[in-house]
Amino acid sequence: ARRQFQQEGELSGMNAELSGRNAQLASEKEENQIKAQALIRLKDEQRTQALQASQETARFLAAAAHDLRQPMFGLGLALEAMQRALDSGDTGEAARLTALSIRSARTMATTFNAVLDLSRLESGFVAPVPSHFDLDDLLREVAADLGAFAHSRQVELRLRLPATPITVFSDRQMVSRIVRNLVSNGIKYARRDAPRGAFVLIGAVRLQTRVRIDVMDN
């Protein structure tokens, strides 16, 4: 009876030990499943982030191509008009078109530099470089550079600037890109069936401590 009691005690202890091991194995299995699910979610998140980064890069390149297309189109029109002016002996018009071509070439160079800065943009190393500049000159420059494009789309560009010059403190290149994008989009989507014709208005409004730039189409 004593031996039987001892054997039953040993069997009970072994059963308890086996139950504990089974519970531990079940816990480890559950933990491994949680880790596997976490790894799957992490991979999905990384895949999603990589896809978003690729889409953002594609959008940036599309925007850069859009920025390049307008001055290239304007440069082509200016060069064709310059050739006609030279053939007819109109040196004054040829000189004006030369200046316009130079501005278009500078605009393209600026945009090319922006495309080359793509890696720095993604890494966050591109920062605004503010300086004082004449906003009137910038807006007139944008209107002159996009004038040929507007004329080709039968859109009138209008400037509405204050009587006195406006000096602002900002990043001139970034402001120029923003205004050019807005104006070129206004030219592209202006209504040509309007009673008064298609137009895009570029204006600047002096506020107390700021300047508001307006780009409005019909």
N, C-alpha and C. Protein backbone atom coordinates (compact mmCIF):
# COMPACT_ATOMS: atom_id res chain seq x y z
N ALA A 1 0.83 -1.20 0.00
CA ALA A 1 0.00 0.00 0.00
C ALA A 1 0.87 1.26 0.00
N ARG A 2 2.01 1.15 0.75
CA ARG A 2 2.91 2.30 0.80
C ARG A 2 3.53 2.53 -0.58
N ARG A 3 3.95 1.40 -1.23
CA ARG A 3 4.57 1.51 -2.55
C ARG A 3 3.57 2.04 -3.57
N GLN A 4 2.35 1.58 -3.48
CA GLN A 4 1.32 2.07 -4.39
C GLN A 4 1.06 3.55 -4.17
N PHE A 5 1.05 3.97 -2.92
CA PHE A 5 0.84 5.39 -2.60
C PHE A 5 1.98 6.24 -3.16
N GLN A 6 3.23 5.72 -3.03
CA GLN A 6 4.39 6.46 -3.55
C GLN A 6 4.31 6.57 -5.08
N GLN A 7 3.95 5.44 -5.74
CA GLN A 7 3.84 5.47 -7.20
C GLN A 7 2.77 6.45 -7.67
N GLU A 8 1.64 6.46 -6.96
CA GLU A 8 0.58 7.40 -7.33
C GLU A 8 1.04 8.84 -7.14
N GLY A 9 1.82 9.07 -6.07
CA GLY A 9 2.35 10.41 -5.84
C GLY A 9 3.31 10.82 -6.94
N GLU A 10 4.18 9.86 -7.37
CA GLU A 10 5.14 10.17 -8.44
C GLU A 10 4.40 10.44 -9.76
N LEU A 11 3.36 9.60 -10.02
CA LEU A 11 2.58 9.82 -11.24
C LEU A 11 1.87 11.17 -11.22
N SER A 12 1.35 11.53 -10.04
CA SER A 12 0.68 12.84 -9.94
C SER A 12 1.66 13.98 -10.18
N GLY A 13 2.88 13.82 -9.63
CA GLY A 13 3.89 14.87 -9.85
C GLY A 13 4.31 14.97 -11.30
N MET A 14 4.45 13.79 -11.95
CA MET A 14 4.82 13.79 -13.36
C MET A 14 3.71 14.42 -14.21
N ASN A 15 2.47 14.10 -13.85
CA ASN A 15 1.35 14.71 -14.60
C ASN A 15 1.32 16.23 -14.43
N ALA A 16 1.58 16.66 -13.19
CA ALA A 16 1.61 18.11 -12.96
C ALA A 16 2.73 18.76 -13.74
N GLU A 17 3.90 18.07 -13.79
CA GLU A 17 5.05 18.62 -14.53
C GLU A 17 4.74 18.68 -16.03
N LEU A 18 4.12 17.59 -16.54
CA LEU A 18 3.75 17.57 -17.96
C LEU A 18 2.72 18.65 -18.28
N SER A 19 1.76 18.83 -17.37
CA SER A 19 0.76 19.88 -17.59
C SER A 19 1.43 21.25 -17.63
N GLY A 20 2.40 21.45 -16.73
CA GLY A 20 3.11 22.73 -16.72
C GLY A 20 3.89 22.95 -18.01
N ARG A 21 4.53 21.85 -18.49
CA ARG A 21 5.28 21.99 -19.74
C ARG A 21 4.34 22.26 -20.92
N ASN A 22 3.21 21.57 -20.93
CA ASN A 22 2.24 21.82 -22.00
C ASN A 22 1.76 23.27 -21.99
N ALA A 23 1.49 23.77 -20.78
CA ALA A 23 1.06 25.16 -20.68
C ALA A 23 2.15 26.11 -21.16
N GLN A 24 3.42 25.78 -20.80
CA GLN A 24 4.55 26.62 -21.23
C GLN A 24 4.69 26.58 -22.75
N LEU A 25 4.55 25.35 -23.32
CA LEU A 25 4.64 25.23 -24.79
C LEU A 25 3.52 26.00 -25.47
N ALA A 26 2.32 25.92 -24.89
CA ALA A 26 1.20 26.65 -25.46
C ALA A 26 1.44 28.16 -25.40
N SER A 27 2.00 28.61 -24.26
CA SER A 27 2.31 30.03 -24.12
C SER A 27 3.37 30.47 -25.11
N GLU A 28 4.42 29.64 -25.27
CA GLU A 28 5.48 29.97 -26.22
C GLU A 28 4.94 29.97 -27.65
N LYS A 29 4.03 29.02 -27.97
CA LYS A 29 3.44 28.99 -29.30
C LYS A 29 2.62 30.25 -29.57
N GLU A 30 1.83 30.65 -28.56
CA GLU A 30 1.04 31.87 -28.71
C GLU A 30 1.95 33.10 -28.88
N GLU A 31 3.03 33.12 -28.09
CA GLU A 31 3.97 34.25 -28.19
C GLU A 31 4.63 34.29 -29.56
N ASN A 32 5.00 33.11 -30.08
CA ASN A 32 5.61 33.05 -31.41
C ASN A 32 4.62 33.51 -32.48
N GLN A 33 3.35 33.12 -32.31
CA GLN A 33 2.34 33.56 -33.27
C GLN A 33 2.18 35.08 -33.24
N ILE A 34 2.21 35.65 -32.02
CA ILE A 34 2.11 37.11 -31.91
C ILE A 34 3.30 37.78 -32.58
N LYS A 35 4.51 37.21 -32.35
CA LYS A 35 5.70 37.78 -32.99
C LYS A 35 5.62 37.67 -34.51
N ALA A 36 5.15 36.52 -34.99
CA ALA A 36 5.03 36.35 -36.43
C ALA A 36 4.04 37.35 -37.02
N GLN A 37 2.90 37.55 -36.35
CA GLN A 37 1.92 38.52 -36.83
C GLN A 37 2.49 39.94 -36.80
N ALA A 38 3.29 40.24 -35.74
CA ALA A 38 3.91 41.57 -35.66
C ALA A 38 4.89 41.77 -36.80
N LEU A 39 5.66 40.72 -37.14
CA LEU A 39 6.60 40.82 -38.25
C LEU A 39 5.87 41.02 -39.57
N ILE A 40 4.75 40.30 -39.73
CA ILE A 40 3.97 40.46 -40.96
C ILE A 40 3.44 41.88 -41.07
N ARG A 41 2.93 42.41 -39.93
CA ARG A 41 2.42 43.80 -39.96
C ARG A 41 3.55 44.78 -40.25
N LEU A 42 4.74 44.53 -39.66
CA LEU A 42 5.87 45.42 -39.90
C LEU A 42 6.26 45.40 -41.37
N LYS A 43 6.29 44.20 -41.97
CA LYS A 43 6.64 44.12 -43.38
C LYS A 43 5.59 44.83 -44.24
N ASP A 44 4.31 44.66 -43.86
CA ASP A 44 3.25 45.36 -44.61
C ASP A 44 3.41 46.87 -44.50
N GLU A 45 3.72 47.35 -43.29
CA GLU A 45 3.92 48.79 -43.10
C GLU A 45 5.12 49.28 -43.91
N GLN A 46 6.22 48.51 -43.90
CA GLN A 46 7.39 48.91 -44.67
C GLN A 46 7.08 48.92 -46.16
N ARG A 47 6.31 47.92 -46.62
CA ARG A 47 5.93 47.88 -48.03
C ARG A 47 5.05 49.07 -48.39
N THR A 48 4.13 49.41 -47.48
CA THR A 48 3.26 50.56 -47.72
C THR A 48 4.06 51.86 -47.76
N GLN A 49 5.01 52.00 -46.81
CA GLN A 49 5.85 53.20 -46.78
C GLN A 49 6.69 53.30 -48.04
N ALA A 50 7.25 52.16 -48.48
CA ALA A 50 8.05 52.19 -49.71
C ALA A 50 7.20 52.58 -50.91
N LEU A 51 5.96 52.07 -50.95
CA LEU A 51 5.06 52.43 -52.05
C LEU A 51 4.70 53.90 -52.01
N GLN A 52 4.44 54.44 -50.81
CA GLN A 52 4.12 55.86 -50.68
C GLN A 52 5.31 56.72 -51.09
N ALA A 53 6.53 56.29 -50.68
CA ALA A 53 7.73 57.05 -51.08
C ALA A 53 7.89 57.04 -52.59
N SER A 54 7.62 55.89 -53.22
CA SER A 54 7.72 55.81 -54.68
C SER A 54 6.69 56.70 -55.34
N GLN A 55 5.46 56.71 -54.80
CA GLN A 55 4.41 57.56 -55.36
C GLN A 55 4.75 59.04 -55.18
N GLU A 56 5.30 59.40 -54.02
CA GLU A 56 5.68 60.79 -53.79
C GLU A 56 6.79 61.21 -54.75
N THR A 57 7.75 60.31 -54.98
CA THR A 57 8.82 60.62 -55.94
C THR A 57 8.25 60.81 -57.34
N ALA A 58 7.30 59.93 -57.71
CA ALA A 58 6.67 60.05 -59.03
C ALA A 58 5.92 61.37 -59.15
N ARG A 59 5.21 61.76 -58.08
CA ARG A 59 4.48 63.03 -58.11
C ARG A 59 5.45 64.20 -58.22
N PHE A 60 6.57 64.12 -57.51
CA PHE A 60 7.55 65.20 -57.57
C PHE A 60 8.11 65.33 -58.99
N LEU A 61 8.46 64.19 -59.59
CA LEU A 61 9.01 64.24 -60.94
C LEU A 61 7.96 64.74 -61.94
N ALA A 62 6.69 64.35 -61.72
CA ALA A 62 5.63 64.85 -62.60
C ALA A 62 5.48 66.36 -62.46
N ALA A 63 5.55 66.85 -61.21
CA ALA A 63 5.46 68.30 -61.00
C ALA A 63 6.66 69.01 -61.62
N ALA A 64 7.85 68.41 -61.49
CA ALA A 64 9.04 69.02 -62.08
C ALA A 64 8.92 69.06 -63.61
N ALA A 65 8.41 67.97 -64.19
CA ALA A 65 8.22 67.96 -65.64
C ALA A 65 7.21 69.02 -66.06
N HIS A 66 6.17 69.20 -65.23
CA HIS A 66 5.18 70.25 -65.51
C HIS A 66 5.84 71.62 -65.46
N ASP A 67 6.70 71.84 -64.46
CA ASP A 67 7.39 73.12 -64.35
C ASP A 67 8.32 73.36 -65.53
N LEU A 68 8.92 72.30 -66.05
CA LEU A 68 9.86 72.44 -67.17
C LEU A 68 9.13 72.65 -68.49
N ARG A 69 7.95 72.06 -68.59
CA ARG A 69 7.24 72.10 -69.88
C ARG A 69 6.86 73.53 -70.28
N GLN A 70 6.44 74.32 -69.29
CA GLN A 70 5.97 75.67 -69.63
C GLN A 70 7.10 76.57 -70.16
N PRO A 71 8.23 76.71 -69.44
CA PRO A 71 9.30 77.55 -70.01
C PRO A 71 9.88 76.99 -71.30
N MET A 72 9.91 75.66 -71.46
CA MET A 72 10.40 75.09 -72.71
C MET A 72 9.47 75.46 -73.87
N PHE A 73 8.17 75.38 -73.59
CA PHE A 73 7.20 75.76 -74.63
C PHE A 73 7.33 77.24 -74.97
N GLY A 74 7.46 78.07 -73.92
CA GLY A 74 7.63 79.50 -74.15
C GLY A 74 8.91 79.82 -74.88
N LEU A 75 9.99 79.09 -74.54
CA LEU A 75 11.27 79.31 -75.21
C LEU A 75 11.17 78.97 -76.69
N GLY A 76 10.49 77.88 -77.01
CA GLY A 76 10.33 77.50 -78.42
C GLY A 76 9.56 78.55 -79.20
N LEU A 77 8.48 79.06 -78.61
CA LEU A 77 7.70 80.10 -79.29
C LEU A 77 8.51 81.37 -79.46
N ALA A 78 9.28 81.73 -78.41
CA ALA A 78 10.08 82.95 -78.49
C ALA A 78 11.15 82.84 -79.56
N LEU A 79 11.78 81.67 -79.67
CA LEU A 79 12.82 81.49 -80.69
C LEU A 79 12.23 81.54 -82.10
N GLU A 80 11.05 80.95 -82.29
CA GLU A 80 10.41 81.02 -83.61
C GLU A 80 10.07 82.48 -83.96
N ALA A 81 9.50 83.20 -82.98
CA ALA A 81 9.17 84.61 -83.24
C ALA A 81 10.43 85.43 -83.48
N MET A 82 11.51 85.09 -82.76
CA MET A 82 12.78 85.82 -82.95
C MET A 82 13.30 85.61 -84.36
N GLN A 83 13.19 84.38 -84.87
CA GLN A 83 13.66 84.12 -86.21
C GLN A 83 12.87 84.94 -87.24
N ARG A 84 11.56 85.04 -87.05
CA ARG A 84 10.74 85.85 -87.97
C ARG A 84 11.11 87.33 -87.87
N ALA A 85 11.39 87.80 -86.62
CA ALA A 85 11.78 89.20 -86.45
C ALA A 85 13.11 89.48 -87.13
N LEU A 86 14.05 88.56 -87.01
CA LEU A 86 15.35 88.75 -87.67
C LEU A 86 15.21 88.71 -89.19
N ASP A 87 14.35 87.82 -89.68
CA ASP A 87 14.17 87.74 -91.14
C ASP A 87 13.57 89.04 -91.68
N SER A 88 12.71 89.68 -90.86
CA SER A 88 12.08 90.92 -91.31
C SER A 88 12.91 92.16 -90.96
N GLY A 89 14.03 91.97 -90.26
CA GLY A 89 14.90 93.09 -89.92
C GLY A 89 14.43 93.89 -88.71
N ASP A 90 13.53 93.35 -87.92
CA ASP A 90 13.02 94.05 -86.72
C ASP A 90 13.94 93.71 -85.56
N THR A 91 15.02 94.47 -85.42
CA THR A 91 16.00 94.17 -84.38
C THR A 91 15.47 94.47 -82.97
N GLY A 92 14.57 95.45 -82.85
CA GLY A 92 14.01 95.76 -81.54
C GLY A 92 13.19 94.59 -80.98
N GLU A 93 12.34 94.03 -81.85
CA GLU A 93 11.53 92.88 -81.42
C GLU A 93 12.43 91.67 -81.16
N ALA A 94 13.47 91.51 -81.97
CA ALA A 94 14.40 90.39 -81.76
C ALA A 94 15.10 90.52 -80.41
N ALA A 95 15.47 91.76 -80.04
CA ALA A 95 16.13 91.96 -78.75
C ALA A 95 15.18 91.64 -77.60
N ARG A 96 13.91 92.03 -77.74
CA ARG A 96 12.93 91.74 -76.69
C ARG A 96 12.74 90.23 -76.54
N LEU A 97 12.66 89.54 -77.66
CA LEU A 97 12.48 88.09 -77.62
C LEU A 97 13.72 87.39 -77.10
N THR A 98 14.87 87.97 -77.34
CA THR A 98 16.11 87.41 -76.78
C THR A 98 16.08 87.46 -75.26
N ALA A 99 15.67 88.61 -74.72
CA ALA A 99 15.56 88.73 -73.27
C ALA A 99 14.56 87.73 -72.70
N LEU A 100 13.44 87.55 -73.42
CA LEU A 100 12.44 86.59 -72.98
C LEU A 100 13.00 85.17 -73.01
N SER A 101 13.78 84.84 -74.04
CA SER A 101 14.37 83.51 -74.13
C SER A 101 15.36 83.28 -72.99
N ILE A 102 16.11 84.32 -72.65
CA ILE A 102 17.07 84.19 -71.55
C ILE A 102 16.35 83.91 -70.24
N ARG A 103 15.23 84.61 -70.00
CA ARG A 103 14.47 84.37 -68.77
C ARG A 103 13.91 82.95 -68.74
N SER A 104 13.42 82.47 -69.89
CA SER A 104 12.89 81.11 -69.94
C SER A 104 13.99 80.09 -69.68
N ALA A 105 15.18 80.34 -70.23
CA ALA A 105 16.30 79.42 -70.00
C ALA A 105 16.69 79.42 -68.53
N ARG A 106 16.67 80.59 -67.89
CA ARG A 106 16.99 80.65 -66.47
C ARG A 106 15.95 79.91 -65.64
N THR A 107 14.69 80.02 -66.03
CA THR A 107 13.63 79.30 -65.33
C THR A 107 13.84 77.80 -65.43
N MET A 108 14.19 77.32 -66.63
CA MET A 108 14.44 75.90 -66.79
C MET A 108 15.64 75.44 -65.97
N ALA A 109 16.69 76.27 -65.92
CA ALA A 109 17.86 75.91 -65.12
C ALA A 109 17.49 75.80 -63.64
N THR A 110 16.64 76.73 -63.19
CA THR A 110 16.20 76.66 -61.79
C THR A 110 15.43 75.39 -61.51
N THR A 111 14.56 75.00 -62.44
CA THR A 111 13.77 73.78 -62.25
C THR A 111 14.65 72.54 -62.32
N PHE A 112 15.62 72.55 -63.23
CA PHE A 112 16.56 71.42 -63.28
C PHE A 112 17.29 71.27 -61.95
N ASN A 113 17.69 72.37 -61.37
CA ASN A 113 18.36 72.31 -60.07
C ASN A 113 17.43 71.73 -59.01
N ALA A 114 16.15 72.06 -59.11
CA ALA A 114 15.18 71.51 -58.15
C ALA A 114 15.06 70.00 -58.31
N VAL A 115 15.10 69.54 -59.57
CA VAL A 115 15.05 68.09 -59.79
C VAL A 115 16.29 67.41 -59.23
N LEU A 116 17.44 68.04 -59.41
CA LEU A 116 18.68 67.48 -58.88
C LEU A 116 18.69 67.46 -57.37
N ASP A 117 17.89 68.30 -56.76
CA ASP A 117 17.82 68.35 -55.29
C ASP A 117 16.86 67.31 -54.72
N LEU A 118 16.37 66.39 -55.56
CA LEU A 118 15.37 65.42 -55.10
C LEU A 118 15.86 64.62 -53.89
N SER A 119 17.10 64.14 -53.95
CA SER A 119 17.61 63.34 -52.84
C SER A 119 17.70 64.17 -51.57
N ARG A 120 18.07 65.44 -51.70
CA ARG A 120 18.13 66.28 -50.50
C ARG A 120 16.74 66.61 -49.98
N LEU A 121 15.76 66.72 -50.89
CA LEU A 121 14.39 66.95 -50.44
C LEU A 121 13.89 65.77 -49.61
N GLU A 122 14.17 64.55 -50.10
CA GLU A 122 13.70 63.36 -49.39
C GLU A 122 14.39 63.21 -48.04
N SER A 123 15.64 63.64 -47.95
CA SER A 123 16.37 63.51 -46.69
C SER A 123 16.12 64.69 -45.76
N GLY A 124 15.39 65.70 -46.24
CA GLY A 124 15.05 66.83 -45.39
C GLY A 124 16.16 67.86 -45.25
N PHE A 125 17.12 67.86 -46.18
CA PHE A 125 18.25 68.77 -46.08
C PHE A 125 18.04 70.09 -46.83
N VAL A 126 16.93 70.19 -47.59
CA VAL A 126 16.67 71.42 -48.31
C VAL A 126 15.87 72.36 -47.41
N ALA A 127 16.39 73.53 -47.20
CA ALA A 127 15.72 74.51 -46.34
C ALA A 127 15.58 75.82 -47.10
N PRO A 128 14.54 76.60 -46.81
CA PRO A 128 14.40 77.89 -47.48
C PRO A 128 15.59 78.80 -47.21
N VAL A 129 15.92 79.62 -48.20
CA VAL A 129 17.00 80.60 -48.05
C VAL A 129 16.36 81.97 -48.22
N PRO A 130 15.84 82.56 -47.15
CA PRO A 130 15.13 83.83 -47.29
C PRO A 130 16.08 84.99 -47.54
N SER A 131 15.58 85.95 -48.28
CA SER A 131 16.33 87.18 -48.57
C SER A 131 15.31 88.26 -48.92
N HIS A 132 15.75 89.51 -48.94
CA HIS A 132 14.88 90.61 -49.35
C HIS A 132 14.89 90.72 -50.88
N PHE A 133 13.71 90.81 -51.47
CA PHE A 133 13.63 90.98 -52.92
C PHE A 133 12.36 91.74 -53.27
N ASP A 134 12.35 92.28 -54.49
CA ASP A 134 11.23 93.06 -54.98
C ASP A 134 10.17 92.11 -55.52
N LEU A 135 9.02 92.06 -54.88
CA LEU A 135 7.96 91.16 -55.31
C LEU A 135 7.38 91.58 -56.65
N ASP A 136 7.31 92.90 -56.91
CA ASP A 136 6.79 93.37 -58.20
C ASP A 136 7.61 92.79 -59.35
N ASP A 137 8.95 92.83 -59.20
CA ASP A 137 9.81 92.30 -60.26
C ASP A 137 9.56 90.81 -60.47
N LEU A 138 9.36 90.08 -59.38
CA LEU A 138 9.13 88.64 -59.51
C LEU A 138 7.82 88.38 -60.26
N LEU A 139 6.75 89.09 -59.91
CA LEU A 139 5.46 88.86 -60.56
C LEU A 139 5.49 89.28 -62.02
N ARG A 140 6.17 90.38 -62.30
CA ARG A 140 6.31 90.80 -63.71
C ARG A 140 7.13 89.77 -64.50
N GLU A 141 8.14 89.21 -63.85
CA GLU A 141 8.97 88.19 -64.50
C GLU A 141 8.15 86.95 -64.82
N VAL A 142 7.31 86.53 -63.87
CA VAL A 142 6.45 85.36 -64.11
C VAL A 142 5.49 85.64 -65.26
N ALA A 143 4.88 86.81 -65.26
CA ALA A 143 3.93 87.16 -66.33
C ALA A 143 4.62 87.21 -67.69
N ALA A 144 5.84 87.73 -67.72
CA ALA A 144 6.57 87.81 -68.99
C ALA A 144 6.96 86.42 -69.48
N ASP A 145 7.41 85.55 -68.56
CA ASP A 145 7.86 84.22 -68.95
C ASP A 145 6.69 83.35 -69.45
N LEU A 146 5.51 83.54 -68.85
CA LEU A 146 4.36 82.72 -69.23
C LEU A 146 3.45 83.42 -70.25
N GLY A 147 3.89 84.60 -70.71
CA GLY A 147 3.07 85.34 -71.67
C GLY A 147 2.86 84.58 -72.96
N ALA A 148 3.92 83.95 -73.49
CA ALA A 148 3.79 83.23 -74.75
C ALA A 148 2.86 82.03 -74.60
N PHE A 149 2.98 81.34 -73.47
CA PHE A 149 2.09 80.20 -73.22
C PHE A 149 0.64 80.66 -73.12
N ALA A 150 0.41 81.78 -72.43
CA ALA A 150 -0.95 82.31 -72.30
C ALA A 150 -1.51 82.71 -73.67
N HIS A 151 -0.67 83.35 -74.48
CA HIS A 151 -1.11 83.77 -75.81
C HIS A 151 -1.48 82.56 -76.67
N SER A 152 -0.71 81.48 -76.54
CA SER A 152 -1.00 80.28 -77.33
C SER A 152 -2.32 79.64 -76.92
N ARG A 153 -2.75 79.87 -75.67
CA ARG A 153 -4.02 79.32 -75.18
C ARG A 153 -5.15 80.35 -75.23
N GLN A 154 -4.87 81.50 -75.84
CA GLN A 154 -5.86 82.57 -75.97
C GLN A 154 -6.34 83.04 -74.59
N VAL A 155 -5.40 83.19 -73.70
CA VAL A 155 -5.69 83.65 -72.33
C VAL A 155 -4.94 84.96 -72.11
N GLU A 156 -5.63 85.95 -71.57
CA GLU A 156 -5.02 87.24 -71.27
C GLU A 156 -4.47 87.24 -69.85
N LEU A 157 -3.21 87.63 -69.71
CA LEU A 157 -2.59 87.77 -68.39
C LEU A 157 -2.72 89.21 -67.93
N ARG A 158 -3.24 89.41 -66.72
CA ARG A 158 -3.41 90.75 -66.18
C ARG A 158 -2.63 90.88 -64.87
N LEU A 159 -1.95 92.02 -64.72
CA LEU A 159 -1.20 92.30 -63.50
C LEU A 159 -1.90 93.41 -62.73
N ARG A 160 -2.06 93.22 -61.42
CA ARG A 160 -2.64 94.26 -60.57
C ARG A 160 -1.72 94.41 -59.36
N LEU A 161 -0.85 95.42 -59.42
CA LEU A 161 0.16 95.61 -58.39
C LEU A 161 -0.04 96.96 -57.71
N PRO A 162 0.39 97.10 -56.45
CA PRO A 162 0.29 98.39 -55.76
C PRO A 162 1.10 99.47 -56.47
N ALA A 163 0.79 100.71 -56.16
CA ALA A 163 1.46 101.83 -56.82
C ALA A 163 2.93 101.89 -56.44
N THR A 164 3.27 101.52 -55.22
CA THR A 164 4.67 101.56 -54.77
C THR A 164 5.23 100.15 -54.72
N PRO A 165 6.54 99.98 -54.97
CA PRO A 165 7.14 98.64 -54.96
C PRO A 165 6.98 97.95 -53.60
N ILE A 166 6.98 96.63 -53.63
CA ILE A 166 6.85 95.82 -52.41
C ILE A 166 8.12 95.00 -52.24
N THR A 167 8.79 95.20 -51.13
CA THR A 167 9.96 94.39 -50.79
C THR A 167 9.56 93.39 -49.72
N VAL A 168 9.81 92.12 -49.98
CA VAL A 168 9.44 91.06 -49.05
C VAL A 168 10.67 90.28 -48.63
N PHE A 169 10.52 89.53 -47.55
CA PHE A 169 11.60 88.69 -47.03
C PHE A 169 11.13 87.24 -47.08
N SER A 170 11.64 86.50 -48.07
CA SER A 170 11.23 85.11 -48.25
C SER A 170 12.24 84.42 -49.17
N ASP A 171 11.97 83.16 -49.51
CA ASP A 171 12.81 82.43 -50.45
C ASP A 171 12.30 82.74 -51.86
N ARG A 172 13.05 83.51 -52.62
CA ARG A 172 12.58 83.98 -53.92
C ARG A 172 12.31 82.82 -54.88
N GLN A 173 13.19 81.83 -54.89
CA GLN A 173 13.03 80.71 -55.82
C GLN A 173 11.76 79.93 -55.51
N MET A 174 11.50 79.67 -54.22
CA MET A 174 10.31 78.91 -53.87
C MET A 174 9.04 79.69 -54.17
N VAL A 175 9.05 80.99 -53.86
CA VAL A 175 7.88 81.82 -54.17
C VAL A 175 7.63 81.84 -55.67
N SER A 176 8.71 81.94 -56.44
CA SER A 176 8.57 81.97 -57.90
C SER A 176 7.95 80.67 -58.41
N ARG A 177 8.39 79.53 -57.88
CA ARG A 177 7.84 78.25 -58.32
C ARG A 177 6.35 78.15 -57.98
N ILE A 178 5.99 78.59 -56.77
CA ILE A 178 4.58 78.53 -56.36
C ILE A 178 3.72 79.36 -57.31
N VAL A 179 4.15 80.62 -57.55
CA VAL A 179 3.35 81.51 -58.39
C VAL A 179 3.28 80.97 -59.82
N ARG A 180 4.41 80.47 -60.34
CA ARG A 180 4.41 79.93 -61.71
C ARG A 180 3.45 78.75 -61.84
N ASN A 181 3.43 77.88 -60.84
CA ASN A 181 2.51 76.74 -60.89
C ASN A 181 1.06 77.21 -60.91
N LEU A 182 0.74 78.17 -60.05
CA LEU A 182 -0.63 78.66 -59.98
C LEU A 182 -1.03 79.35 -61.29
N VAL A 183 -0.13 80.17 -61.82
CA VAL A 183 -0.46 80.90 -63.05
C VAL A 183 -0.59 79.94 -64.23
N SER A 184 0.35 78.99 -64.35
CA SER A 184 0.29 78.05 -65.47
C SER A 184 -0.97 77.19 -65.39
N ASN A 185 -1.37 76.80 -64.17
CA ASN A 185 -2.61 76.05 -64.04
C ASN A 185 -3.82 76.92 -64.39
N GLY A 186 -3.76 78.20 -63.97
CA GLY A 186 -4.84 79.12 -64.34
C GLY A 186 -4.96 79.27 -65.84
N ILE A 187 -3.83 79.38 -66.52
CA ILE A 187 -3.85 79.49 -67.99
C ILE A 187 -4.42 78.21 -68.61
N LYS A 188 -4.03 77.10 -68.07
CA LYS A 188 -4.43 75.81 -68.64
C LYS A 188 -5.92 75.57 -68.50
N TYR A 189 -6.51 75.98 -67.36
CA TYR A 189 -7.89 75.64 -67.08
C TYR A 189 -8.85 76.83 -67.16
N ALA A 190 -8.37 77.98 -67.63
CA ALA A 190 -9.25 79.14 -67.76
C ALA A 190 -10.36 78.85 -68.77
N ARG A 191 -11.55 79.40 -68.50
CA ARG A 191 -12.70 79.18 -69.38
C ARG A 191 -12.59 80.08 -70.61
N ARG A 192 -12.54 79.45 -71.76
CA ARG A 192 -12.43 80.22 -72.99
C ARG A 192 -13.78 80.59 -73.57
N ASP A 193 -14.86 80.01 -73.02
CA ASP A 193 -16.19 80.33 -73.52
C ASP A 193 -16.86 81.42 -72.69
N ALA A 194 -16.10 82.08 -71.81
CA ALA A 194 -16.67 83.15 -70.99
C ALA A 194 -16.99 84.36 -71.87
N PRO A 195 -18.01 85.14 -71.50
CA PRO A 195 -18.40 86.29 -72.33
C PRO A 195 -17.26 87.29 -72.53
N ARG A 196 -16.48 87.53 -71.49
CA ARG A 196 -15.38 88.51 -71.59
C ARG A 196 -14.06 87.87 -71.96
N GLY A 197 -14.08 86.62 -72.36
CA GLY A 197 -12.85 85.94 -72.76
C GLY A 197 -12.13 85.37 -71.56
N ALA A 198 -11.11 84.55 -71.83
CA ALA A 198 -10.34 83.91 -70.77
C ALA A 198 -9.23 84.84 -70.29
N PHE A 199 -9.06 84.90 -68.98
CA PHE A 199 -7.98 85.72 -68.42
C PHE A 199 -7.52 85.13 -67.09
N VAL A 200 -6.30 85.48 -66.72
CA VAL A 200 -5.73 85.14 -65.42
C VAL A 200 -5.19 86.42 -64.81
N LEU A 201 -5.62 86.71 -63.60
CA LEU A 201 -5.20 87.93 -62.91
C LEU A 201 -4.15 87.59 -61.87
N ILE A 202 -3.02 88.29 -61.92
CA ILE A 202 -1.95 88.15 -60.93
C ILE A 202 -1.87 89.44 -60.14
N GLY A 203 -2.07 89.37 -58.84
CA GLY A 203 -2.08 90.58 -58.03
C GLY A 203 -1.35 90.42 -56.73
N ALA A 204 -1.05 91.54 -56.11
CA ALA A 204 -0.42 91.57 -54.78
C ALA A 204 -1.15 92.62 -53.95
N VAL A 205 -1.49 92.22 -52.73
CA VAL A 205 -2.21 93.10 -51.82
C VAL A 205 -1.36 93.31 -50.58
N ARG A 206 -1.06 94.56 -50.29
CA ARG A 206 -0.24 94.89 -49.12
C ARG A 206 -1.12 94.88 -47.87
N LEU A 207 -0.75 94.04 -46.90
CA LEU A 207 -1.43 93.98 -45.61
C LEU A 207 -0.58 94.68 -44.56
N GLN A 208 -0.97 94.56 -43.31
CA GLN A 208 -0.26 95.30 -42.27
C GLN A 208 1.18 94.83 -42.11
N THR A 209 1.38 93.54 -42.01
CA THR A 209 2.73 93.00 -41.84
C THR A 209 3.06 91.93 -42.87
N ARG A 210 2.18 91.72 -43.82
CA ARG A 210 2.37 90.67 -44.82
C ARG A 210 1.95 91.19 -46.19
N VAL A 211 2.19 90.35 -47.20
CA VAL A 211 1.71 90.63 -48.56
C VAL A 211 0.97 89.39 -49.03
N ARG A 212 -0.21 89.58 -49.57
CA ARG A 212 -1.00 88.47 -50.11
C ARG A 212 -0.87 88.47 -51.63
N ILE A 213 -0.49 87.33 -52.17
CA ILE A 213 -0.39 87.17 -53.63
C ILE A 213 -1.65 86.48 -54.12
N ASP A 214 -2.30 87.10 -55.09
CA ASP A 214 -3.53 86.54 -55.67
C ASP A 214 -3.27 86.06 -57.09
N VAL A 215 -3.75 84.87 -57.37
CA VAL A 215 -3.76 84.35 -58.75
C VAL A 215 -5.18 83.86 -59.00
N MET A 216 -5.90 84.58 -59.85
CA MET A 216 -7.32 84.27 -60.09
C MET A 216 -7.57 84.14 -61.58
N ASP A 217 -8.30 83.10 -61.96
CA ASP A 217 -8.74 82.97 -63.35
C ASP A 217 -10.25 83.20 -63.42
N ASN A 218 -10.75 83.21 -64.63
CA ASN A 218 -12.17 83.53 -64.81
C ASN A 218 -13.05 82.30 -64.63
